[in-house]
Amino acid sequence: WQAGVLLASVLPVVFAANVVRVVALALVTHWFGDAAGQGIIHDFSGILMFLVALGGVMVVDWLVTRRG
């Protein structure tokens, strides 16, 4: 059951991380212009999204193994 919960949580965690990335890029583009939203900040936000999603899955794994 632990593997099932972890597998089921991957999609919502990744979706939430991507929503945060899109909102952050939209705000950067709004405040600082198109060039800021398409440059290094865009690449950095992709790496940061990956790390946030990985951390979210690790937290879910920790919670599931702690309960089980």
N, C-alpha and C. Protein backbone atom coordinates (compact mmCIF):
# COMPACT_ATOMS: atom_id res chain seq x y z
N TRP A 1 0.83 -1.19 0.00
CA TRP A 1 0.00 0.00 0.00
C TRP A 1 0.87 1.26 0.00
N GLN A 2 2.06 1.17 0.59
CA GLN A 2 2.93 2.34 0.63
C GLN A 2 3.40 2.76 -0.76
N ALA A 3 3.75 1.77 -1.57
CA ALA A 3 4.18 2.08 -2.94
C ALA A 3 3.02 2.66 -3.75
N GLY A 4 1.81 2.18 -3.51
CA GLY A 4 0.65 2.71 -4.21
C GLY A 4 0.37 4.16 -3.85
N VAL A 5 0.48 4.48 -2.58
CA VAL A 5 0.28 5.87 -2.14
C VAL A 5 1.35 6.77 -2.73
N LEU A 6 2.58 6.30 -2.72
CA LEU A 6 3.68 7.10 -3.28
C LEU A 6 3.47 7.31 -4.78
N LEU A 7 3.10 6.27 -5.48
CA LEU A 7 2.86 6.38 -6.91
C LEU A 7 1.69 7.32 -7.21
N ALA A 8 0.64 7.23 -6.41
CA ALA A 8 -0.52 8.09 -6.62
C ALA A 8 -0.23 9.55 -6.30
N SER A 9 0.75 9.81 -5.46
CA SER A 9 1.06 11.19 -5.07
C SER A 9 2.00 11.89 -6.04
N VAL A 10 2.64 11.17 -6.92
CA VAL A 10 3.62 11.78 -7.82
C VAL A 10 2.96 12.83 -8.71
N LEU A 11 1.88 12.50 -9.35
CA LEU A 11 1.24 13.43 -10.28
C LEU A 11 0.76 14.71 -9.59
N PRO A 12 0.06 14.64 -8.46
CA PRO A 12 -0.34 15.90 -7.81
C PRO A 12 0.83 16.75 -7.33
N VAL A 13 1.89 16.11 -6.86
CA VAL A 13 3.06 16.87 -6.39
C VAL A 13 3.73 17.58 -7.56
N VAL A 14 3.90 16.89 -8.67
CA VAL A 14 4.53 17.49 -9.85
C VAL A 14 3.64 18.58 -10.43
N PHE A 15 2.34 18.36 -10.44
CA PHE A 15 1.41 19.37 -10.95
C PHE A 15 1.48 20.64 -10.10
N ALA A 16 1.50 20.49 -8.78
CA ALA A 16 1.57 21.65 -7.89
C ALA A 16 2.88 22.41 -8.08
N ALA A 17 3.99 21.69 -8.23
CA ALA A 17 5.28 22.34 -8.45
C ALA A 17 5.27 23.11 -9.77
N ASN A 18 4.65 22.54 -10.79
CA ASN A 18 4.60 23.22 -12.08
C ASN A 18 3.69 24.45 -12.04
N VAL A 19 2.61 24.38 -11.28
CA VAL A 19 1.74 25.56 -11.13
C VAL A 19 2.51 26.69 -10.46
N VAL A 20 3.28 26.38 -9.44
CA VAL A 20 4.09 27.40 -8.77
C VAL A 20 5.09 28.00 -9.76
N ARG A 21 5.69 27.16 -10.60
CA ARG A 21 6.66 27.65 -11.59
C ARG A 21 5.99 28.59 -12.58
N VAL A 22 4.84 28.21 -13.09
CA VAL A 22 4.15 29.03 -14.10
C VAL A 22 3.73 30.37 -13.49
N VAL A 23 3.22 30.35 -12.28
CA VAL A 23 2.82 31.60 -11.62
C VAL A 23 4.03 32.49 -11.38
N ALA A 24 5.12 31.90 -10.93
CA ALA A 24 6.34 32.68 -10.68
C ALA A 24 6.86 33.30 -11.98
N LEU A 25 6.88 32.52 -13.05
CA LEU A 25 7.33 33.07 -14.33
C LEU A 25 6.40 34.16 -14.85
N ALA A 26 5.10 33.98 -14.64
CA ALA A 26 4.16 35.02 -15.06
C ALA A 26 4.38 36.31 -14.28
N LEU A 27 4.63 36.19 -12.99
CA LEU A 27 4.88 37.39 -12.19
C LEU A 27 6.20 38.06 -12.57
N VAL A 28 7.24 37.27 -12.82
CA VAL A 28 8.52 37.84 -13.25
C VAL A 28 8.35 38.55 -14.59
N THR A 29 7.64 37.93 -15.51
CA THR A 29 7.41 38.55 -16.81
C THR A 29 6.59 39.83 -16.67
N HIS A 30 5.61 39.80 -15.81
CA HIS A 30 4.77 41.00 -15.60
C HIS A 30 5.58 42.14 -14.99
N TRP A 31 6.37 41.84 -13.98
CA TRP A 31 7.11 42.89 -13.27
C TRP A 31 8.36 43.37 -14.02
N PHE A 32 9.06 42.44 -14.67
CA PHE A 32 10.37 42.79 -15.24
C PHE A 32 10.45 42.68 -16.76
N GLY A 33 9.38 42.26 -17.41
CA GLY A 33 9.37 42.22 -18.87
C GLY A 33 9.64 40.83 -19.44
N ASP A 34 9.45 40.73 -20.76
CA ASP A 34 9.60 39.45 -21.45
C ASP A 34 11.02 38.90 -21.37
N ALA A 35 11.99 39.76 -21.48
CA ALA A 35 13.39 39.29 -21.48
C ALA A 35 13.74 38.59 -20.17
N ALA A 36 13.22 39.10 -19.07
CA ALA A 36 13.53 38.48 -17.77
C ALA A 36 12.86 37.13 -17.64
N GLY A 37 11.67 36.98 -18.18
CA GLY A 37 10.94 35.73 -18.06
C GLY A 37 11.42 34.65 -19.01
N GLN A 38 12.21 35.01 -20.02
CA GLN A 38 12.66 34.03 -20.99
C GLN A 38 14.13 33.69 -20.88
N GLY A 39 14.85 34.35 -20.03
CA GLY A 39 16.29 34.14 -19.95
C GLY A 39 16.68 33.08 -18.94
N ILE A 40 17.66 33.42 -18.17
CA ILE A 40 18.22 32.49 -17.18
C ILE A 40 17.19 32.13 -16.11
N ILE A 41 16.27 33.03 -15.83
CA ILE A 41 15.25 32.76 -14.81
C ILE A 41 14.35 31.62 -15.24
N HIS A 42 14.07 31.54 -16.54
CA HIS A 42 13.24 30.45 -17.05
C HIS A 42 13.95 29.11 -16.85
N ASP A 43 15.22 29.05 -17.17
CA ASP A 43 15.99 27.82 -16.99
C ASP A 43 16.13 27.47 -15.51
N PHE A 44 16.42 28.45 -14.70
CA PHE A 44 16.58 28.22 -13.27
C PHE A 44 15.27 27.74 -12.64
N SER A 45 14.15 28.28 -13.10
CA SER A 45 12.87 27.86 -12.53
C SER A 45 12.57 26.41 -12.87
N GLY A 46 13.03 25.93 -14.02
CA GLY A 46 12.85 24.52 -14.36
C GLY A 46 13.62 23.62 -13.42
N ILE A 47 14.86 24.00 -13.13
CA ILE A 47 15.68 23.22 -12.19
C ILE A 47 15.07 23.28 -10.79
N LEU A 48 14.64 24.46 -10.39
CA LEU A 48 14.03 24.62 -9.08
C LEU A 48 12.73 23.82 -8.96
N MET A 49 11.93 23.79 -10.04
CA MET A 49 10.70 23.02 -10.02
C MET A 49 11.01 21.54 -9.83
N PHE A 50 12.03 21.05 -10.51
CA PHE A 50 12.42 19.65 -10.36
C PHE A 50 12.80 19.36 -8.91
N LEU A 51 13.58 20.24 -8.30
CA LEU A 51 14.00 20.02 -6.91
C LEU A 51 12.82 20.09 -5.94
N VAL A 52 11.89 21.01 -6.18
CA VAL A 52 10.71 21.11 -5.32
C VAL A 52 9.85 19.86 -5.46
N ALA A 53 9.66 19.38 -6.68
CA ALA A 53 8.86 18.17 -6.90
C ALA A 53 9.54 16.95 -6.26
N LEU A 54 10.84 16.84 -6.42
CA LEU A 54 11.57 15.74 -5.80
C LEU A 54 11.45 15.80 -4.28
N GLY A 55 11.58 17.00 -3.72
CA GLY A 55 11.41 17.16 -2.28
C GLY A 55 10.00 16.81 -1.83
N GLY A 56 9.01 17.18 -2.62
CA GLY A 56 7.63 16.84 -2.27
C GLY A 56 7.39 15.34 -2.27
N VAL A 57 7.93 14.65 -3.25
CA VAL A 57 7.80 13.19 -3.29
C VAL A 57 8.54 12.56 -2.11
N MET A 58 9.69 13.11 -1.76
CA MET A 58 10.44 12.59 -0.61
C MET A 58 9.67 12.80 0.69
N VAL A 59 9.00 13.92 0.82
CA VAL A 59 8.18 14.18 2.02
C VAL A 59 7.02 13.19 2.09
N VAL A 60 6.37 12.95 0.97
CA VAL A 60 5.28 11.97 0.95
C VAL A 60 5.81 10.59 1.33
N ASP A 61 6.96 10.22 0.79
CA ASP A 61 7.56 8.94 1.12
C ASP A 61 7.86 8.85 2.61
N TRP A 62 8.39 9.91 3.17
CA TRP A 62 8.71 9.93 4.60
C TRP A 62 7.44 9.79 5.44
N LEU A 63 6.39 10.50 5.04
CA LEU A 63 5.13 10.41 5.78
C LEU A 63 4.52 9.01 5.69
N VAL A 64 4.59 8.41 4.52
CA VAL A 64 4.01 7.08 4.35
C VAL A 64 4.79 6.03 5.13
N THR A 65 6.10 6.08 5.07
CA THR A 65 6.89 5.07 5.79
C THR A 65 6.83 5.30 7.30
N ARG A 66 6.63 6.52 7.71
CA ARG A 66 6.52 6.82 9.14
C ARG A 66 5.22 6.24 9.72
N ARG A 67 4.17 6.25 8.94
CA ARG A 67 2.88 5.74 9.40
C ARG A 67 2.79 4.21 9.31
N GLY A 68 3.51 3.63 8.34
CA GLY A 68 3.31 2.24 8.06
C GLY A 68 4.18 1.30 8.77
